[in-house]
Amino acid sequence: MRRLLLIVLIVSVMQMEGCSEPREIPGGTPGIIRIDSKGIADVQVTAYRKNQDQRFEPVAIGISGRNGEFELRKQDALEAVWLEPGEYRFTVESIGDIHIPWSPEFRNPEKTSLRQTRTDQDHKKLIELSVPDPTPKNR
């Protein structure tokens, strides 16, 4: 009987753990990605900054939600990233079910036109990225 009671107690505790609310993941610098002024979901935005060798290296990523909004985090962790003052470049990549045929310029930090210089006052300022519609138009 004691053994059965112990098993029931363990199973109950395990179920309670599984039913708890998911932990809030802290976000860093906020941003929004738009195509022709409309927010777009399921886009990975990668922020790059020049290193000492004058090469651009990734410092953070953000995944856009339904309205195109994202918050920057470390690439391999769920830690928030707040962009420090400096010059940044951004690339985009589709990660959802719908593939977006991005222009090669938006996938290369050396060539991208998605650039922003941030100052001390921009610590929490919104990153606003706007790209032209990459889908071919029916003419």
N, C-alpha and C. Protein backbone atom coordinates (compact mmCIF):
# COMPACT_ATOMS: atom_id res chain seq x y z
N MET A 1 0.82 -1.20 0.00
CA MET A 1 0.00 0.00 0.00
C MET A 1 0.87 1.27 0.00
N ARG A 2 1.91 1.25 0.83
CA ARG A 2 2.80 2.42 0.87
C ARG A 2 3.47 2.63 -0.49
N ARG A 3 3.83 1.54 -1.11
CA ARG A 3 4.49 1.63 -2.41
C ARG A 3 3.55 2.25 -3.44
N LEU A 4 2.30 1.84 -3.44
CA LEU A 4 1.29 2.38 -4.36
C LEU A 4 1.08 3.87 -4.10
N LEU A 5 1.02 4.25 -2.84
CA LEU A 5 0.84 5.65 -2.47
C LEU A 5 2.04 6.48 -2.96
N LEU A 6 3.24 5.95 -2.81
CA LEU A 6 4.44 6.64 -3.27
C LEU A 6 4.43 6.82 -4.78
N ILE A 7 4.03 5.80 -5.51
CA ILE A 7 3.96 5.88 -6.97
C ILE A 7 2.93 6.93 -7.40
N VAL A 8 1.77 6.93 -6.78
CA VAL A 8 0.73 7.91 -7.10
C VAL A 8 1.24 9.32 -6.82
N LEU A 9 1.95 9.50 -5.73
CA LEU A 9 2.49 10.82 -5.38
C LEU A 9 3.52 11.28 -6.42
N ILE A 10 4.41 10.39 -6.82
CA ILE A 10 5.43 10.75 -7.81
C ILE A 10 4.79 11.10 -9.15
N VAL A 11 3.83 10.31 -9.59
CA VAL A 11 3.14 10.58 -10.86
C VAL A 11 2.40 11.91 -10.79
N SER A 12 1.77 12.19 -9.66
CA SER A 12 1.04 13.46 -9.51
C SER A 12 1.99 14.65 -9.60
N VAL A 13 3.14 14.56 -8.95
CA VAL A 13 4.11 15.65 -8.99
C VAL A 13 4.63 15.84 -10.41
N MET A 14 4.90 14.74 -11.12
CA MET A 14 5.39 14.83 -12.49
C MET A 14 4.35 15.48 -13.40
N GLN A 15 3.10 15.17 -13.22
CA GLN A 15 2.05 15.77 -14.04
C GLN A 15 1.92 17.25 -13.74
N MET A 16 2.05 17.63 -12.48
CA MET A 16 1.95 19.04 -12.13
C MET A 16 3.08 19.82 -12.77
N GLU A 17 4.28 19.27 -12.81
CA GLU A 17 5.41 19.95 -13.45
C GLU A 17 5.15 20.15 -14.93
N GLY A 18 4.60 19.14 -15.60
CA GLY A 18 4.34 19.22 -17.03
C GLY A 18 3.22 20.19 -17.38
N CYS A 19 2.35 20.47 -16.47
CA CYS A 19 1.20 21.33 -16.73
C CYS A 19 1.45 22.79 -16.36
N SER A 20 2.62 23.08 -15.84
CA SER A 20 2.88 24.45 -15.43
C SER A 20 3.05 25.35 -16.65
N GLU A 21 2.87 26.64 -16.44
CA GLU A 21 3.02 27.63 -17.51
C GLU A 21 4.47 27.64 -17.98
N PRO A 22 4.71 27.82 -19.29
CA PRO A 22 6.08 27.89 -19.75
C PRO A 22 6.76 29.14 -19.20
N ARG A 23 8.04 29.01 -18.94
CA ARG A 23 8.81 30.12 -18.40
C ARG A 23 8.99 31.18 -19.47
N GLU A 24 8.84 32.43 -19.09
CA GLU A 24 9.03 33.55 -20.01
C GLU A 24 10.50 33.64 -20.39
N ILE A 25 10.78 33.73 -21.69
CA ILE A 25 12.14 33.85 -22.18
C ILE A 25 12.44 35.33 -22.37
N PRO A 26 13.44 35.85 -21.66
CA PRO A 26 13.72 37.28 -21.78
C PRO A 26 14.26 37.65 -23.15
N GLY A 27 13.79 38.75 -23.68
CA GLY A 27 14.26 39.23 -24.97
C GLY A 27 15.14 40.45 -24.80
N GLY A 28 15.91 40.74 -25.82
CA GLY A 28 16.80 41.90 -25.79
C GLY A 28 16.28 43.02 -26.67
N THR A 29 17.17 43.62 -27.45
CA THR A 29 16.80 44.75 -28.30
C THR A 29 15.62 44.34 -29.18
N PRO A 30 14.54 45.13 -29.16
CA PRO A 30 13.36 44.79 -29.97
C PRO A 30 13.52 45.26 -31.41
N GLY A 31 12.80 44.60 -32.30
CA GLY A 31 12.84 44.99 -33.70
C GLY A 31 11.58 44.56 -34.42
N ILE A 32 11.49 44.99 -35.67
CA ILE A 32 10.38 44.59 -36.53
C ILE A 32 10.91 44.47 -37.96
N ILE A 33 10.48 43.43 -38.65
CA ILE A 33 10.85 43.23 -40.05
C ILE A 33 9.59 43.37 -40.88
N ARG A 34 9.70 44.19 -41.94
CA ARG A 34 8.53 44.46 -42.79
C ARG A 34 8.89 44.24 -44.25
N ILE A 35 7.89 43.80 -45.01
CA ILE A 35 7.99 43.77 -46.47
C ILE A 35 6.98 44.78 -46.96
N ASP A 36 7.47 45.79 -47.66
CA ASP A 36 6.60 46.87 -48.15
C ASP A 36 5.65 47.35 -47.05
N SER A 37 6.18 47.67 -45.90
CA SER A 37 5.51 48.23 -44.72
C SER A 37 4.57 47.28 -43.99
N LYS A 38 4.54 45.98 -44.34
CA LYS A 38 3.71 45.01 -43.63
C LYS A 38 4.61 44.04 -42.87
N GLY A 39 4.36 43.88 -41.56
CA GLY A 39 5.15 42.96 -40.75
C GLY A 39 5.04 41.54 -41.26
N ILE A 40 6.13 40.80 -41.19
CA ILE A 40 6.14 39.43 -41.71
C ILE A 40 6.68 38.45 -40.67
N ALA A 41 6.01 37.31 -40.57
CA ALA A 41 6.35 36.29 -39.57
C ALA A 41 7.35 35.28 -40.11
N ASP A 42 7.91 34.52 -39.18
CA ASP A 42 8.78 33.38 -39.49
C ASP A 42 10.03 33.77 -40.27
N VAL A 43 10.65 34.86 -39.85
CA VAL A 43 11.90 35.29 -40.46
C VAL A 43 12.95 35.34 -39.35
N GLN A 44 14.10 34.73 -39.63
CA GLN A 44 15.23 34.85 -38.70
C GLN A 44 16.04 36.06 -39.12
N VAL A 45 16.18 36.99 -38.21
CA VAL A 45 16.99 38.19 -38.42
C VAL A 45 18.29 37.96 -37.64
N THR A 46 19.42 38.10 -38.33
CA THR A 46 20.72 37.95 -37.67
C THR A 46 21.42 39.30 -37.68
N ALA A 47 21.88 39.72 -36.49
CA ALA A 47 22.61 40.98 -36.35
C ALA A 47 24.10 40.68 -36.35
N TYR A 48 24.86 41.46 -37.15
CA TYR A 48 26.30 41.30 -37.27
C TYR A 48 26.99 42.59 -36.86
N ARG A 49 28.20 42.44 -36.33
CA ARG A 49 29.01 43.61 -35.97
C ARG A 49 30.46 43.33 -36.38
N LYS A 50 31.17 44.37 -36.80
CA LYS A 50 32.57 44.19 -37.20
C LYS A 50 33.41 43.80 -36.00
N ASN A 51 34.27 42.81 -36.20
CA ASN A 51 35.20 42.42 -35.15
C ASN A 51 36.53 43.14 -35.35
N GLN A 52 37.54 42.78 -34.58
CA GLN A 52 38.85 43.44 -34.66
C GLN A 52 39.53 43.22 -36.00
N ASP A 53 39.19 42.14 -36.68
CA ASP A 53 39.76 41.84 -38.01
C ASP A 53 38.97 42.51 -39.14
N GLN A 54 38.03 43.38 -38.77
CA GLN A 54 37.19 44.08 -39.74
C GLN A 54 36.27 43.13 -40.52
N ARG A 55 35.96 41.99 -39.94
CA ARG A 55 35.00 41.06 -40.54
C ARG A 55 33.73 41.10 -39.72
N PHE A 56 32.61 40.89 -40.39
CA PHE A 56 31.33 40.90 -39.68
C PHE A 56 31.07 39.52 -39.08
N GLU A 57 30.77 39.52 -37.79
CA GLU A 57 30.45 38.27 -37.12
C GLU A 57 29.08 38.40 -36.45
N PRO A 58 28.33 37.30 -36.41
CA PRO A 58 26.99 37.36 -35.82
C PRO A 58 27.07 37.58 -34.31
N VAL A 59 26.20 38.47 -33.82
CA VAL A 59 26.16 38.74 -32.38
C VAL A 59 24.82 38.37 -31.76
N ALA A 60 23.78 38.25 -32.60
CA ALA A 60 22.46 37.93 -32.05
C ALA A 60 21.51 37.54 -33.18
N ILE A 61 20.43 36.85 -32.79
CA ILE A 61 19.37 36.52 -33.74
C ILE A 61 18.02 36.87 -33.13
N GLY A 62 17.05 37.04 -33.99
CA GLY A 62 15.67 37.23 -33.56
C GLY A 62 14.77 36.48 -34.54
N ILE A 63 13.69 35.93 -34.05
CA ILE A 63 12.71 35.23 -34.88
C ILE A 63 11.43 36.06 -34.85
N SER A 64 10.97 36.47 -36.03
CA SER A 64 9.80 37.35 -36.07
C SER A 64 8.51 36.58 -35.81
N GLY A 65 7.63 37.24 -35.08
CA GLY A 65 6.30 36.70 -34.79
C GLY A 65 5.31 37.15 -35.86
N ARG A 66 4.04 36.94 -35.58
CA ARG A 66 2.97 37.20 -36.53
C ARG A 66 2.99 38.60 -37.13
N ASN A 67 3.34 39.59 -36.35
CA ASN A 67 3.34 40.98 -36.82
C ASN A 67 4.72 41.47 -37.25
N GLY A 68 5.67 40.55 -37.36
CA GLY A 68 7.03 40.93 -37.76
C GLY A 68 7.92 41.35 -36.61
N GLU A 69 7.39 41.32 -35.39
CA GLU A 69 8.17 41.77 -34.24
C GLU A 69 9.10 40.66 -33.75
N PHE A 70 10.29 41.07 -33.28
CA PHE A 70 11.26 40.12 -32.73
C PHE A 70 12.05 40.79 -31.62
N GLU A 71 12.74 39.98 -30.84
CA GLU A 71 13.67 40.46 -29.81
C GLU A 71 14.96 39.68 -29.99
N LEU A 72 16.08 40.36 -29.83
CA LEU A 72 17.37 39.72 -30.07
C LEU A 72 17.81 38.88 -28.88
N ARG A 73 18.39 37.72 -29.22
CA ARG A 73 18.92 36.79 -28.23
C ARG A 73 20.24 36.23 -28.75
N LYS A 74 21.01 35.63 -27.86
CA LYS A 74 22.24 34.96 -28.28
C LYS A 74 21.86 33.81 -29.20
N GLN A 75 22.71 33.53 -30.17
CA GLN A 75 22.40 32.53 -31.18
C GLN A 75 22.27 31.13 -30.60
N ASP A 76 23.11 30.76 -29.66
CA ASP A 76 23.10 29.40 -29.12
C ASP A 76 22.46 29.30 -27.75
N ALA A 77 21.82 30.36 -27.30
CA ALA A 77 21.22 30.35 -25.97
C ALA A 77 19.95 31.20 -25.99
N LEU A 78 19.29 31.23 -24.88
CA LEU A 78 18.06 32.03 -24.80
C LEU A 78 18.28 33.31 -24.00
N GLU A 79 19.53 33.76 -23.94
CA GLU A 79 19.84 34.99 -23.22
C GLU A 79 19.56 36.22 -24.08
N ALA A 80 19.05 37.25 -23.45
CA ALA A 80 18.77 38.51 -24.16
C ALA A 80 20.07 39.18 -24.60
N VAL A 81 20.00 39.85 -25.76
CA VAL A 81 21.13 40.63 -26.26
C VAL A 81 20.64 42.06 -26.48
N TRP A 82 21.31 43.00 -25.83
CA TRP A 82 21.04 44.42 -26.02
C TRP A 82 22.20 44.97 -26.84
N LEU A 83 21.92 45.48 -28.01
CA LEU A 83 22.99 45.96 -28.89
C LEU A 83 23.69 47.17 -28.28
N GLU A 84 25.00 47.10 -28.27
CA GLU A 84 25.84 48.20 -27.79
C GLU A 84 26.01 49.21 -28.92
N PRO A 85 26.53 50.39 -28.61
CA PRO A 85 26.79 51.36 -29.67
C PRO A 85 27.74 50.78 -30.72
N GLY A 86 27.46 51.10 -31.98
CA GLY A 86 28.30 50.61 -33.06
C GLY A 86 27.53 50.44 -34.35
N GLU A 87 28.23 49.98 -35.38
CA GLU A 87 27.61 49.75 -36.69
C GLU A 87 27.19 48.28 -36.79
N TYR A 88 25.96 48.08 -37.20
CA TYR A 88 25.41 46.73 -37.33
C TYR A 88 24.87 46.52 -38.73
N ARG A 89 24.92 45.27 -39.15
CA ARG A 89 24.30 44.85 -40.40
C ARG A 89 23.40 43.67 -40.08
N PHE A 90 22.36 43.53 -40.88
CA PHE A 90 21.37 42.50 -40.60
C PHE A 90 21.12 41.66 -41.85
N THR A 91 20.95 40.36 -41.65
CA THR A 91 20.55 39.46 -42.73
C THR A 91 19.23 38.81 -42.35
N VAL A 92 18.53 38.29 -43.37
CA VAL A 92 17.24 37.65 -43.13
C VAL A 92 17.21 36.28 -43.79
N GLU A 93 16.43 35.39 -43.19
CA GLU A 93 16.27 34.03 -43.69
C GLU A 93 14.90 33.53 -43.31
N SER A 94 14.21 32.87 -44.23
CA SER A 94 12.90 32.29 -43.95
C SER A 94 13.09 31.04 -43.11
N ILE A 95 12.26 30.89 -42.08
CA ILE A 95 12.35 29.68 -41.26
C ILE A 95 11.01 28.97 -41.13
N GLY A 96 9.97 29.53 -41.72
CA GLY A 96 8.64 28.94 -41.62
C GLY A 96 8.33 28.02 -42.78
N ASP A 97 7.07 27.67 -42.90
CA ASP A 97 6.61 26.78 -43.97
C ASP A 97 6.66 27.44 -45.34
N ILE A 98 6.54 28.75 -45.37
CA ILE A 98 6.54 29.47 -46.64
C ILE A 98 7.94 30.00 -46.92
N HIS A 99 8.51 29.57 -48.04
CA HIS A 99 9.85 30.03 -48.42
C HIS A 99 9.74 31.38 -49.10
N ILE A 100 10.53 32.33 -48.64
CA ILE A 100 10.58 33.66 -49.26
C ILE A 100 11.87 33.74 -50.06
N PRO A 101 11.79 34.04 -51.36
CA PRO A 101 12.99 34.10 -52.20
C PRO A 101 13.76 35.42 -52.00
N TRP A 102 14.47 35.53 -50.89
CA TRP A 102 15.20 36.75 -50.57
C TRP A 102 16.28 37.02 -51.61
N SER A 103 16.49 38.27 -51.92
CA SER A 103 17.60 38.68 -52.78
C SER A 103 18.90 38.29 -52.07
N PRO A 104 19.92 37.86 -52.82
CA PRO A 104 21.19 37.48 -52.18
C PRO A 104 21.78 38.56 -51.29
N GLU A 105 21.51 39.83 -51.60
CA GLU A 105 22.06 40.91 -50.77
C GLU A 105 21.58 40.82 -49.33
N PHE A 106 20.34 40.35 -49.11
CA PHE A 106 19.79 40.31 -47.76
C PHE A 106 20.27 39.09 -46.97
N ARG A 107 21.06 38.23 -47.60
CA ARG A 107 21.59 37.04 -46.93
C ARG A 107 23.09 37.14 -46.67
N ASN A 108 23.70 38.26 -47.03
CA ASN A 108 25.14 38.42 -46.91
C ASN A 108 25.45 39.68 -46.10
N PRO A 109 26.09 39.54 -44.93
CA PRO A 109 26.36 40.73 -44.11
C PRO A 109 27.30 41.74 -44.77
N GLU A 110 28.12 41.30 -45.70
CA GLU A 110 29.03 42.21 -46.39
C GLU A 110 28.28 43.09 -47.40
N LYS A 111 27.19 42.58 -47.97
CA LYS A 111 26.48 43.28 -49.04
C LYS A 111 25.12 43.85 -48.65
N THR A 112 24.59 43.45 -47.52
CA THR A 112 23.23 43.84 -47.15
C THR A 112 23.06 45.36 -47.03
N SER A 113 21.89 45.81 -47.42
CA SER A 113 21.56 47.23 -47.23
C SER A 113 20.83 47.44 -45.90
N LEU A 114 20.61 46.36 -45.17
CA LEU A 114 19.96 46.46 -43.86
C LEU A 114 21.03 46.79 -42.83
N ARG A 115 21.22 48.08 -42.60
CA ARG A 115 22.30 48.56 -41.74
C ARG A 115 21.75 49.56 -40.72
N GLN A 116 22.45 49.63 -39.60
CA GLN A 116 22.04 50.58 -38.58
C GLN A 116 23.23 50.90 -37.70
N THR A 117 23.41 52.19 -37.42
CA THR A 117 24.43 52.63 -36.47
C THR A 117 23.70 52.99 -35.19
N ARG A 118 24.14 52.41 -34.09
CA ARG A 118 23.47 52.63 -32.80
C ARG A 118 24.38 53.43 -31.88
N THR A 119 23.75 54.31 -31.11
CA THR A 119 24.47 55.15 -30.14
C THR A 119 24.09 54.73 -28.73
N ASP A 120 24.66 55.41 -27.74
CA ASP A 120 24.32 55.13 -26.34
C ASP A 120 22.83 55.31 -26.08
N GLN A 121 22.21 56.27 -26.74
CA GLN A 121 20.79 56.55 -26.52
C GLN A 121 19.88 55.51 -27.18
N ASP A 122 20.44 54.69 -28.06
CA ASP A 122 19.64 53.70 -28.81
C ASP A 122 19.55 52.35 -28.11
N HIS A 123 19.99 52.28 -26.85
CA HIS A 123 20.08 51.01 -26.14
C HIS A 123 18.83 50.14 -26.31
N LYS A 124 17.66 50.74 -26.14
CA LYS A 124 16.43 49.96 -26.24
C LYS A 124 15.56 50.40 -27.43
N LYS A 125 16.14 51.17 -28.32
CA LYS A 125 15.41 51.66 -29.49
C LYS A 125 15.08 50.50 -30.44
N LEU A 126 13.90 50.55 -31.03
CA LEU A 126 13.43 49.53 -31.96
C LEU A 126 14.29 49.48 -33.22
N ILE A 127 14.67 48.28 -33.62
CA ILE A 127 15.35 48.07 -34.90
C ILE A 127 14.24 47.95 -35.94
N GLU A 128 14.23 48.83 -36.92
CA GLU A 128 13.21 48.77 -37.97
C GLU A 128 13.86 48.40 -39.28
N LEU A 129 13.50 47.22 -39.79
CA LEU A 129 14.05 46.72 -41.04
C LEU A 129 12.93 46.61 -42.07
N SER A 130 13.16 47.16 -43.24
CA SER A 130 12.16 47.12 -44.30
C SER A 130 12.83 46.63 -45.58
N VAL A 131 12.22 45.62 -46.19
CA VAL A 131 12.74 45.07 -47.43
C VAL A 131 11.65 45.12 -48.49
N PRO A 132 12.04 45.26 -49.76
CA PRO A 132 11.02 45.24 -50.82
C PRO A 132 10.45 43.83 -50.97
N ASP A 133 9.27 43.74 -51.53
CA ASP A 133 8.61 42.45 -51.75
C ASP A 133 9.49 41.59 -52.66
N PRO A 134 9.96 40.43 -52.16
CA PRO A 134 10.86 39.60 -52.97
C PRO A 134 10.15 38.65 -53.94
N THR A 135 8.83 38.59 -53.85
CA THR A 135 8.11 37.65 -54.73
C THR A 135 7.92 38.25 -56.12
N PRO A 136 8.06 37.42 -57.15
CA PRO A 136 7.87 37.92 -58.52
C PRO A 136 6.43 38.38 -58.72
N LYS A 137 6.28 39.46 -59.42
CA LYS A 137 4.95 40.01 -59.73
C LYS A 137 4.44 39.42 -61.03
N ASN A 138 3.16 39.11 -61.07
CA ASN A 138 2.54 38.66 -62.33
C ASN A 138 2.24 39.89 -63.16
N ARG A 139 2.76 39.92 -64.35
CA ARG A 139 2.57 41.11 -65.19
C ARG A 139 1.84 40.72 -66.44
